[in-house]
Each structure stands twice: as C-alpha cells, then as structure tokens.
Amino acid sequence: MMGYDGWGFFGMHALWWLFWIAVIGAAAVFLFQAPTRPPPARETPLELLQRRYAAGEISKEEYGERKRTLERDE
C-alpha cells in the first residue's frame, strides 16, 4: 500500500494539535505577562537639575542660573 503503515493521518493530526497548543500557550504567556510595577514617574525639570547638581555634573553657579531660569518660566 504505497508505504503507508496507518500512522500517516494520526501523525499529521497529532502535529496539528501540538501546533495549536503551542500557539495558544504562547498567546497566553504573552497576554498574561503583565508588568509587576508601574513605570517610574517622569522627573520634573527642577528634579533633573537637582539630580545633576548632586551628581557633580554642573557647578553651583550653573545650578543657580538654571534654577532661576526654570522658576522664572513657571
């Protein structure tokens, strides 16, 4: 009988079941994988300026000048 031993249809049927189980499982993992914590709030310009000054990225004079500019623009 042309080399078929009776498992051809069952094998293809089993592969389709495995395929759909894998697709549904991947979709479930993707959909239910929620972030555990909310994203951090964005820094205000003044907070960013304070952080840069504390890290030593800008001088005291530059900090004062930029702070005055920010307070004037508010």
C-alpha atoms as a PDB file:
ATOM      1  CA  MET A   1       0.000   0.000   0.000  1.00  0.00           C
ATOM      2  CA  MET A   2       2.402   2.719  -1.135  1.00  0.00           C
ATOM      3  CA  GLY A   3       4.455   2.743   2.091  1.00  0.00           C
ATOM      4  CA  TYR A   4       1.690   3.862   4.492  1.00  0.00           C
ATOM      5  CA  ASP A   5       1.582   1.898   7.714  1.00  0.00           C
ATOM      6  CA  GLY A   6      -1.560   3.528   9.114  1.00  0.00           C
ATOM      7  CA  TRP A   7       0.183   6.235  11.178  1.00  0.00           C
ATOM      8  CA  GLY A   8       0.256   8.914   8.488  1.00  0.00           C
ATOM      9  CA  PHE A   9      -3.091  10.519   9.258  1.00  0.00           C
ATOM     10  CA  PHE A  10      -2.692  10.160  13.017  1.00  0.00           C
ATOM     11  CA  GLY A  11       0.784  11.687  12.894  1.00  0.00           C
ATOM     12  CA  MET A  12      -0.434  14.727  10.980  1.00  0.00           C
ATOM     13  CA  HIS A  13      -3.416  15.061  13.308  1.00  0.00           C
ATOM     14  CA  ALA A  14      -1.129  14.959  16.364  1.00  0.00           C
ATOM     15  CA  LEU A  15       1.163  17.579  14.840  1.00  0.00           C
ATOM     16  CA  TRP A  16      -1.775  19.944  14.316  1.00  0.00           C
ATOM     17  CA  TRP A  17      -2.828  19.502  17.954  1.00  0.00           C
ATOM     18  CA  LEU A  18       0.706  20.237  19.120  1.00  0.00           C
ATOM     19  CA  PHE A  19       0.877  23.271  16.842  1.00  0.00           C
ATOM     20  CA  TRP A  20      -2.350  24.784  18.201  1.00  0.00           C
ATOM     21  CA  ILE A  21      -1.418  24.013  21.805  1.00  0.00           C
ATOM     22  CA  ALA A  22       1.893  25.836  21.249  1.00  0.00           C
ATOM     23  CA  VAL A  23       0.153  28.827  19.600  1.00  0.00           C
ATOM     24  CA  ILE A  24      -2.419  29.117  22.401  1.00  0.00           C
ATOM     25  CA  GLY A  25       0.274  28.678  25.066  1.00  0.00           C
ATOM     26  CA  ALA A  26       2.456  31.390  23.526  1.00  0.00           C
ATOM     27  CA  ALA A  27      -0.518  33.745  23.288  1.00  0.00           C
ATOM     28  CA  ALA A  28      -1.425  33.097  26.930  1.00  0.00           C
ATOM     29  CA  VAL A  29       2.130  33.800  28.087  1.00  0.00           C
ATOM     30  CA  PHE A  30       2.246  36.991  26.031  1.00  0.00           C
ATOM     31  CA  LEU A  31      -1.152  38.276  27.195  1.00  0.00           C
ATOM     32  CA  PHE A  32      -0.851  37.439  30.888  1.00  0.00           C
ATOM     33  CA  GLN A  33       2.709  38.615  31.369  1.00  0.00           C
ATOM     34  CA  ALA A  34       1.823  41.939  32.982  1.00  0.00           C
ATOM     35  CA  PRO A  35       4.476  44.284  34.329  1.00  0.00           C
ATOM     36  CA  THR A  36       4.997  43.830  38.062  1.00  0.00           C
ATOM     37  CA  ARG A  37       5.309  47.527  38.827  1.00  0.00           C
ATOM     38  CA  PRO A  38       4.184  50.727  37.152  1.00  0.00           C
ATOM     39  CA  PRO A  39       6.705  52.680  35.092  1.00  0.00           C
ATOM     40  CA  PRO A  40       8.606  55.327  37.044  1.00  0.00           C
ATOM     41  CA  ALA A  41       7.202  58.840  37.017  1.00  0.00           C
ATOM     42  CA  ARG A  42       8.976  61.335  34.811  1.00  0.00           C
ATOM     43  CA  GLU A  43      11.279  63.813  36.504  1.00  0.00           C
ATOM     44  CA  THR A  44      10.349  67.451  36.520  1.00  0.00           C
ATOM     45  CA  PRO A  45      12.964  69.818  35.085  1.00  0.00           C
ATOM     46  CA  LEU A  46      13.799  71.045  38.597  1.00  0.00           C
ATOM     47  CA  GLU A  47      14.278  67.476  39.893  1.00  0.00           C
ATOM     48  CA  LEU A  48      16.523  66.724  36.939  1.00  0.00           C
ATOM     49  CA  LEU A  49      18.557  69.861  37.671  1.00  0.00           C
ATOM     50  CA  GLN A  50      18.866  68.917  41.362  1.00  0.00           C
ATOM     51  CA  ARG A  51      19.982  65.389  40.465  1.00  0.00           C
ATOM     52  CA  ARG A  52      22.629  66.700  38.057  1.00  0.00           C
ATOM     53  CA  TYR A  53      23.930  69.139  40.692  1.00  0.00           C
ATOM     54  CA  ALA A  54      24.030  66.400  43.340  1.00  0.00           C
ATOM     55  CA  ALA A  55      25.960  64.145  40.946  1.00  0.00           C
ATOM     56  CA  GLY A  56      28.527  66.887  40.354  1.00  0.00           C
ATOM     57  CA  GLU A  57      27.706  67.271  36.668  1.00  0.00           C
ATOM     58  CA  ILE A  58      27.160  71.047  36.954  1.00  0.00           C
ATOM     59  CA  SER A  59      28.688  73.741  39.122  1.00  0.00           C
ATOM     60  CA  LYS A  60      26.959  75.722  41.885  1.00  0.00           C
ATOM     61  CA  GLU A  61      26.836  78.817  39.682  1.00  0.00           C
ATOM     62  CA  GLU A  62      25.348  76.931  36.758  1.00  0.00           C
ATOM     63  CA  TYR A  63      22.811  75.303  39.087  1.00  0.00           C
ATOM     64  CA  GLY A  64      21.724  78.704  40.460  1.00  0.00           C
ATOM     65  CA  GLU A  65      21.436  80.229  36.999  1.00  0.00           C
ATOM     66  CA  ARG A  66      19.394  77.371  35.592  1.00  0.00           C
ATOM     67  CA  LYS A  67      17.185  77.236  38.692  1.00  0.00           C
ATOM     68  CA  ARG A  68      16.379  80.950  38.342  1.00  0.00           C
ATOM     69  CA  THR A  69      15.551  80.387  34.668  1.00  0.00           C
ATOM     70  CA  LEU A  70      13.243  77.495  35.499  1.00  0.00           C
ATOM     71  CA  GLU A  71      11.474  79.408  38.275  1.00  0.00           C
ATOM     72  CA  ARG A  72      11.041  82.428  36.007  1.00  0.00           C
ATOM     73  CA  ASP A  73       9.466  80.315  33.237  1.00  0.00           C
ATOM     74  CA  GLU A  74       6.868  78.727  35.522  1.00  0.00           C
END
